[in-house]
N, C-alpha and C. Protein backbone atom coordinates (compact mmCIF):
# COMPACT_ATOMS: atom_id res chain seq x y z
N MET A 1 -35.40 -1.62 1.94
CA MET A 1 -34.84 -2.76 1.09
C MET A 1 -34.56 -2.32 -0.32
N THR A 2 -35.49 -1.35 -0.87
CA THR A 2 -35.26 -0.92 -2.22
C THR A 2 -34.03 -0.10 -2.29
N GLY A 3 -33.66 0.52 -1.31
CA GLY A 3 -32.37 1.39 -1.27
C GLY A 3 -31.16 0.43 -1.35
N VAL A 4 -31.20 -0.71 -0.83
CA VAL A 4 -30.11 -1.68 -0.80
C VAL A 4 -30.10 -2.21 -2.22
N LEU A 5 -31.20 -2.52 -2.79
CA LEU A 5 -31.26 -3.10 -4.16
C LEU A 5 -30.68 -2.08 -5.10
N ALA A 6 -31.09 -0.85 -4.98
CA ALA A 6 -30.66 0.21 -5.90
C ALA A 6 -29.15 0.42 -5.78
N LEU A 7 -28.65 0.42 -4.48
CA LEU A 7 -27.16 0.49 -4.30
C LEU A 7 -26.48 -0.60 -5.00
N LEU A 8 -26.93 -1.85 -4.78
CA LEU A 8 -26.35 -3.03 -5.43
C LEU A 8 -26.36 -2.93 -6.97
N ALA A 9 -27.49 -2.42 -7.50
CA ALA A 9 -27.55 -2.28 -9.00
C ALA A 9 -26.59 -1.29 -9.54
N LEU A 10 -26.49 -0.16 -8.71
CA LEU A 10 -25.61 0.88 -9.10
C LEU A 10 -24.13 0.40 -8.96
N THR A 11 -23.84 -0.31 -8.01
CA THR A 11 -22.39 -0.87 -7.95
C THR A 11 -22.13 -1.88 -9.05
N CYS A 12 -23.07 -2.69 -9.31
CA CYS A 12 -22.82 -3.68 -10.51
C CYS A 12 -22.70 -2.99 -11.82
N ALA A 13 -23.62 -1.85 -11.98
CA ALA A 13 -23.39 -1.17 -13.20
C ALA A 13 -22.11 -0.45 -13.42
N LEU A 14 -21.61 0.08 -12.27
CA LEU A 14 -20.29 0.85 -12.27
C LEU A 14 -19.17 -0.18 -12.47
N VAL A 15 -19.30 -1.35 -11.81
CA VAL A 15 -18.13 -2.32 -12.11
C VAL A 15 -18.12 -2.88 -13.44
N GLY A 16 -19.36 -3.11 -14.04
CA GLY A 16 -19.47 -3.48 -15.47
C GLY A 16 -19.01 -2.46 -16.33
N THR A 17 -19.33 -1.19 -16.21
CA THR A 17 -18.80 -0.17 -16.98
C THR A 17 -17.30 -0.02 -16.92
N LEU A 18 -16.69 -0.17 -15.77
CA LEU A 18 -15.27 -0.08 -15.64
C LEU A 18 -14.53 -1.18 -16.37
N TYR A 19 -15.14 -2.46 -16.24
CA TYR A 19 -14.62 -3.58 -16.97
C TYR A 19 -14.75 -3.31 -18.40
N ALA A 20 -15.85 -2.84 -18.95
CA ALA A 20 -15.94 -2.61 -20.37
C ALA A 20 -14.90 -1.58 -20.85
N VAL A 21 -14.80 -0.48 -20.18
CA VAL A 21 -13.82 0.50 -20.53
C VAL A 21 -12.51 0.03 -20.54
N SER A 22 -12.12 -0.83 -19.57
CA SER A 22 -10.80 -1.42 -19.54
C SER A 22 -10.47 -2.30 -20.74
N PHE A 23 -11.55 -3.09 -21.02
CA PHE A 23 -11.43 -4.02 -22.12
C PHE A 23 -11.27 -3.37 -23.53
N VAL A 24 -11.99 -2.22 -23.64
CA VAL A 24 -11.88 -1.45 -24.75
C VAL A 24 -10.53 -0.70 -24.98
N LEU A 25 -10.13 -0.13 -23.99
CA LEU A 25 -8.89 0.60 -23.99
C LEU A 25 -7.55 -0.13 -23.96
N SER A 26 -7.63 -1.41 -23.33
CA SER A 26 -6.30 -2.04 -23.08
C SER A 26 -5.89 -2.84 -24.30
N PRO A 27 -4.58 -2.85 -24.59
CA PRO A 27 -4.02 -3.62 -25.66
C PRO A 27 -4.12 -5.05 -25.42
N ALA A 28 -5.12 -5.62 -25.76
CA ALA A 28 -5.29 -7.15 -25.52
C ALA A 28 -4.14 -8.05 -26.07
N ARG A 29 -3.71 -7.80 -27.26
CA ARG A 29 -2.64 -8.65 -27.94
C ARG A 29 -1.40 -8.50 -27.14
N GLN A 30 -0.98 -7.30 -26.66
CA GLN A 30 0.12 -7.05 -25.99
C GLN A 30 0.14 -7.78 -24.53
N ALA A 31 -0.97 -7.95 -23.96
CA ALA A 31 -1.16 -8.51 -22.65
C ALA A 31 -0.93 -10.12 -22.81
N GLN A 32 -1.31 -10.60 -23.91
CA GLN A 32 -1.17 -12.03 -24.03
C GLN A 32 0.28 -12.45 -24.33
N VAL A 33 1.11 -11.50 -24.82
CA VAL A 33 2.53 -11.83 -25.19
C VAL A 33 3.44 -11.56 -24.00
N LEU A 34 3.29 -10.64 -23.26
CA LEU A 34 4.11 -10.18 -22.05
C LEU A 34 3.70 -11.07 -20.80
N PRO A 35 4.64 -11.52 -20.03
CA PRO A 35 4.23 -12.29 -18.78
C PRO A 35 3.78 -11.37 -17.73
N PHE A 36 4.14 -10.06 -17.75
CA PHE A 36 3.61 -9.06 -16.70
C PHE A 36 2.79 -8.05 -17.39
N GLU A 37 1.80 -7.62 -16.91
CA GLU A 37 0.94 -6.69 -17.55
C GLU A 37 1.07 -5.29 -16.96
N SER A 38 2.25 -4.95 -16.52
CA SER A 38 2.38 -3.65 -15.88
C SER A 38 2.90 -2.63 -16.96
N GLY A 39 3.12 -3.02 -18.05
CA GLY A 39 3.67 -2.25 -19.13
C GLY A 39 5.10 -2.12 -19.35
N MET A 40 5.81 -2.60 -18.34
CA MET A 40 7.24 -2.73 -18.44
C MET A 40 7.82 -4.08 -18.81
N LEU A 41 8.91 -4.26 -19.51
CA LEU A 41 9.46 -5.52 -19.63
C LEU A 41 10.04 -5.98 -18.42
N PRO A 42 10.01 -7.32 -18.13
CA PRO A 42 10.52 -7.82 -16.93
C PRO A 42 12.10 -7.83 -16.95
N THR A 43 12.68 -7.39 -15.71
CA THR A 43 14.07 -7.40 -15.68
C THR A 43 14.80 -8.63 -15.16
N GLN A 44 13.93 -9.53 -14.45
CA GLN A 44 14.41 -10.73 -13.97
C GLN A 44 13.41 -11.82 -14.07
N HIS A 45 13.68 -13.03 -13.84
CA HIS A 45 12.82 -14.16 -14.05
C HIS A 45 11.64 -13.90 -13.00
N ALA A 46 10.52 -14.51 -13.25
CA ALA A 46 9.43 -14.38 -12.37
C ALA A 46 9.45 -15.16 -11.17
N VAL A 47 10.24 -16.21 -11.10
CA VAL A 47 10.31 -17.08 -9.84
C VAL A 47 11.78 -16.82 -9.25
N SER A 48 12.33 -15.64 -9.44
CA SER A 48 13.57 -15.44 -8.81
C SER A 48 13.45 -15.52 -7.27
N ARG A 49 14.50 -15.83 -6.58
CA ARG A 49 14.46 -15.99 -5.24
C ARG A 49 14.87 -14.72 -4.39
N TYR A 50 14.37 -14.50 -3.20
CA TYR A 50 14.71 -13.35 -2.53
C TYR A 50 16.01 -13.75 -1.55
N HIS A 51 16.72 -12.73 -1.19
CA HIS A 51 17.82 -12.90 -0.37
C HIS A 51 17.31 -13.42 1.01
N ALA A 52 18.08 -14.35 1.65
CA ALA A 52 17.71 -14.81 2.90
C ALA A 52 17.37 -13.77 4.01
N ARG A 53 18.02 -12.73 3.96
CA ARG A 53 17.94 -11.63 4.93
C ARG A 53 16.59 -11.20 5.00
N TRP A 54 15.74 -11.09 3.86
CA TRP A 54 14.46 -10.63 3.87
C TRP A 54 13.49 -11.48 4.71
N TYR A 55 13.76 -12.81 4.83
CA TYR A 55 13.00 -13.66 5.69
C TYR A 55 13.09 -13.30 7.05
N ALA A 56 14.24 -12.98 7.55
CA ALA A 56 14.48 -12.59 8.82
C ALA A 56 13.79 -11.13 9.07
N VAL A 57 13.86 -10.25 8.12
CA VAL A 57 13.19 -8.96 8.17
C VAL A 57 11.64 -9.25 8.31
N THR A 58 11.13 -10.14 7.70
CA THR A 58 9.71 -10.42 7.78
C THR A 58 9.33 -10.92 9.09
N ILE A 59 10.19 -11.71 9.69
CA ILE A 59 9.94 -12.25 11.29
C ILE A 59 9.98 -10.99 12.05
N LEU A 60 10.86 -10.04 11.82
CA LEU A 60 10.88 -8.86 12.68
C LEU A 60 9.56 -8.05 12.37
N PHE A 61 9.25 -7.80 11.20
CA PHE A 61 7.96 -7.10 10.97
C PHE A 61 6.72 -7.75 11.68
N LEU A 62 6.67 -9.05 11.56
CA LEU A 62 5.52 -9.82 12.15
C LEU A 62 5.66 -9.71 13.67
N ALA A 63 6.79 -9.82 14.24
CA ALA A 63 6.84 -9.55 15.65
C ALA A 63 6.31 -8.28 16.23
N PHE A 64 6.72 -7.19 15.57
CA PHE A 64 6.20 -5.85 15.92
C PHE A 64 4.78 -5.62 15.49
N ASP A 65 4.45 -6.25 14.39
CA ASP A 65 3.03 -6.15 14.12
C ASP A 65 2.06 -6.84 15.05
N MET A 66 2.43 -8.12 15.43
CA MET A 66 1.63 -8.77 16.39
C MET A 66 1.57 -8.12 17.74
N GLU A 67 2.71 -7.54 18.12
CA GLU A 67 2.80 -6.79 19.36
C GLU A 67 1.67 -5.65 19.33
N MET A 68 1.63 -4.94 18.36
CA MET A 68 0.70 -3.81 18.19
C MET A 68 -0.77 -4.22 18.17
N ILE A 69 -0.94 -5.41 17.46
CA ILE A 69 -2.39 -5.91 17.32
C ILE A 69 -2.91 -6.33 18.65
N PHE A 70 -1.95 -6.92 19.57
CA PHE A 70 -2.50 -7.37 20.78
C PHE A 70 -2.28 -6.41 21.97
N MET A 71 -1.51 -5.39 21.84
CA MET A 71 -1.25 -4.47 22.94
C MET A 71 -2.45 -3.44 23.03
N TYR A 72 -3.08 -3.04 21.97
CA TYR A 72 -4.17 -2.06 22.09
C TYR A 72 -5.33 -2.61 22.83
N PRO A 73 -5.86 -3.79 22.41
CA PRO A 73 -6.98 -4.22 23.18
C PRO A 73 -6.63 -4.60 24.60
N TRP A 74 -5.37 -5.15 24.81
CA TRP A 74 -5.04 -5.42 26.21
C TRP A 74 -4.91 -4.16 27.11
N ALA A 75 -4.49 -2.97 26.38
CA ALA A 75 -4.50 -1.82 27.31
C ALA A 75 -5.84 -1.33 27.64
N VAL A 76 -6.90 -1.69 26.88
CA VAL A 76 -8.19 -1.31 27.22
C VAL A 76 -8.74 -2.12 28.45
N VAL A 77 -8.41 -3.35 28.61
CA VAL A 77 -8.86 -4.22 29.51
C VAL A 77 -8.04 -4.58 30.71
N VAL A 78 -6.78 -4.05 30.67
CA VAL A 78 -5.79 -4.56 31.62
C VAL A 78 -6.24 -4.16 33.08
N ALA A 79 -6.99 -3.00 33.19
CA ALA A 79 -7.33 -2.54 34.60
C ALA A 79 -8.45 -3.48 35.16
N ASP A 80 -9.26 -3.99 34.37
CA ASP A 80 -10.34 -4.78 34.80
C ASP A 80 -9.83 -6.21 35.13
N MET A 81 -8.87 -6.64 34.44
CA MET A 81 -8.41 -8.11 34.48
C MET A 81 -7.26 -8.33 35.55
N GLY A 82 -6.55 -7.28 35.82
CA GLY A 82 -5.69 -7.35 37.03
C GLY A 82 -4.32 -7.83 36.64
N ALA A 83 -3.69 -8.45 37.57
CA ALA A 83 -2.26 -8.73 37.56
C ALA A 83 -2.03 -9.89 36.49
N GLY A 84 -3.04 -10.85 36.47
CA GLY A 84 -2.96 -11.89 35.43
C GLY A 84 -2.77 -11.53 34.08
N ALA A 85 -3.39 -10.44 33.67
CA ALA A 85 -3.32 -9.88 32.32
C ALA A 85 -1.92 -9.37 32.08
N VAL A 86 -1.35 -8.77 33.09
CA VAL A 86 0.03 -8.19 32.96
C VAL A 86 1.01 -9.27 32.78
N ILE A 87 0.93 -10.43 33.58
CA ILE A 87 1.83 -11.57 33.54
C ILE A 87 1.72 -12.19 32.15
N GLU A 88 0.48 -12.37 31.67
CA GLU A 88 0.23 -12.95 30.24
C GLU A 88 0.91 -12.11 29.21
N MET A 89 0.75 -10.82 29.22
CA MET A 89 1.28 -9.87 28.26
C MET A 89 2.89 -9.92 28.29
N PHE A 90 3.46 -10.00 29.57
CA PHE A 90 4.88 -10.14 29.65
C PHE A 90 5.45 -11.43 28.93
N GLY A 91 4.67 -12.47 29.10
CA GLY A 91 4.88 -13.85 28.49
C GLY A 91 4.74 -13.73 27.02
N PHE A 92 3.82 -12.99 26.52
CA PHE A 92 3.54 -12.78 25.06
C PHE A 92 4.72 -11.89 24.58
N LEU A 93 5.10 -10.87 25.27
CA LEU A 93 6.32 -10.02 24.79
C LEU A 93 7.64 -10.80 24.87
N THR A 94 7.81 -11.68 25.71
CA THR A 94 8.95 -12.62 25.79
C THR A 94 9.06 -13.40 24.58
N VAL A 95 7.97 -14.08 24.05
CA VAL A 95 8.02 -14.79 22.89
C VAL A 95 8.41 -13.96 21.71
N LEU A 96 7.88 -12.77 21.68
CA LEU A 96 8.21 -11.76 20.49
C LEU A 96 9.69 -11.35 20.67
N LEU A 97 10.24 -11.26 21.81
CA LEU A 97 11.54 -10.84 22.05
C LEU A 97 12.48 -12.06 21.60
N VAL A 98 12.08 -13.24 21.65
CA VAL A 98 12.90 -14.36 21.11
C VAL A 98 12.99 -14.20 19.56
N GLY A 99 11.86 -13.81 18.98
CA GLY A 99 11.97 -13.57 17.48
C GLY A 99 12.84 -12.44 17.03
N VAL A 100 12.72 -11.38 17.86
CA VAL A 100 13.56 -10.16 17.55
C VAL A 100 15.11 -10.56 17.81
N THR A 101 15.39 -11.22 18.84
CA THR A 101 16.70 -11.65 19.24
C THR A 101 17.20 -12.61 18.02
N TYR A 102 16.43 -13.46 17.51
CA TYR A 102 16.77 -14.40 16.42
C TYR A 102 17.25 -13.44 15.22
N VAL A 103 16.23 -12.40 14.89
CA VAL A 103 16.70 -11.68 13.75
C VAL A 103 17.90 -10.87 13.91
N TRP A 104 18.11 -10.44 15.07
CA TRP A 104 19.27 -9.58 15.44
C TRP A 104 20.60 -10.46 15.23
N ARG A 105 20.57 -11.70 15.75
CA ARG A 105 21.60 -12.68 15.62
C ARG A 105 21.93 -13.10 14.18
N GLU A 106 20.89 -13.12 13.37
CA GLU A 106 21.05 -13.45 12.00
C GLU A 106 21.55 -12.33 11.17
N GLY A 107 21.71 -11.13 11.76
CA GLY A 107 22.30 -9.91 11.05
C GLY A 107 21.43 -9.27 10.21
N ALA A 108 20.11 -9.50 10.37
CA ALA A 108 19.13 -8.75 9.49
C ALA A 108 19.06 -7.30 9.67
N LEU A 109 19.54 -6.79 10.90
CA LEU A 109 19.47 -5.38 11.18
C LEU A 109 20.69 -4.69 10.81
N ARG A 110 21.71 -5.44 10.20
CA ARG A 110 22.90 -4.80 9.60
C ARG A 110 22.65 -4.55 8.13
N TRP A 111 22.70 -3.36 7.78
CA TRP A 111 22.49 -3.02 6.36
C TRP A 111 23.74 -2.69 5.52
N THR A 112 24.86 -3.24 6.00
CA THR A 112 26.04 -3.00 5.22
C THR A 112 26.58 -4.34 4.71
């Protein structure tokens, strides 16, 4: 228990030290003037909109991401669960294929 408390105290001291160093070294007045604290002047408005193509690309990314998240655990248990697991996975992949088809029809895969 004392080891956990010592680690917690060390972590709090380290975080406090980093905050103090950041406060001392940062130009506080400039951070209040600029809307972005990255050190560069903004090139466009903060609430500018993205092109509609990026929303379709996001759907494509989520489709492949969800596929990978669910395919790995499924591959581990598919032998134990039998044909029902295979049918369910093909149903899931069909839903993802609908998303990919939508992105393709919207033209998000054309970069010209």
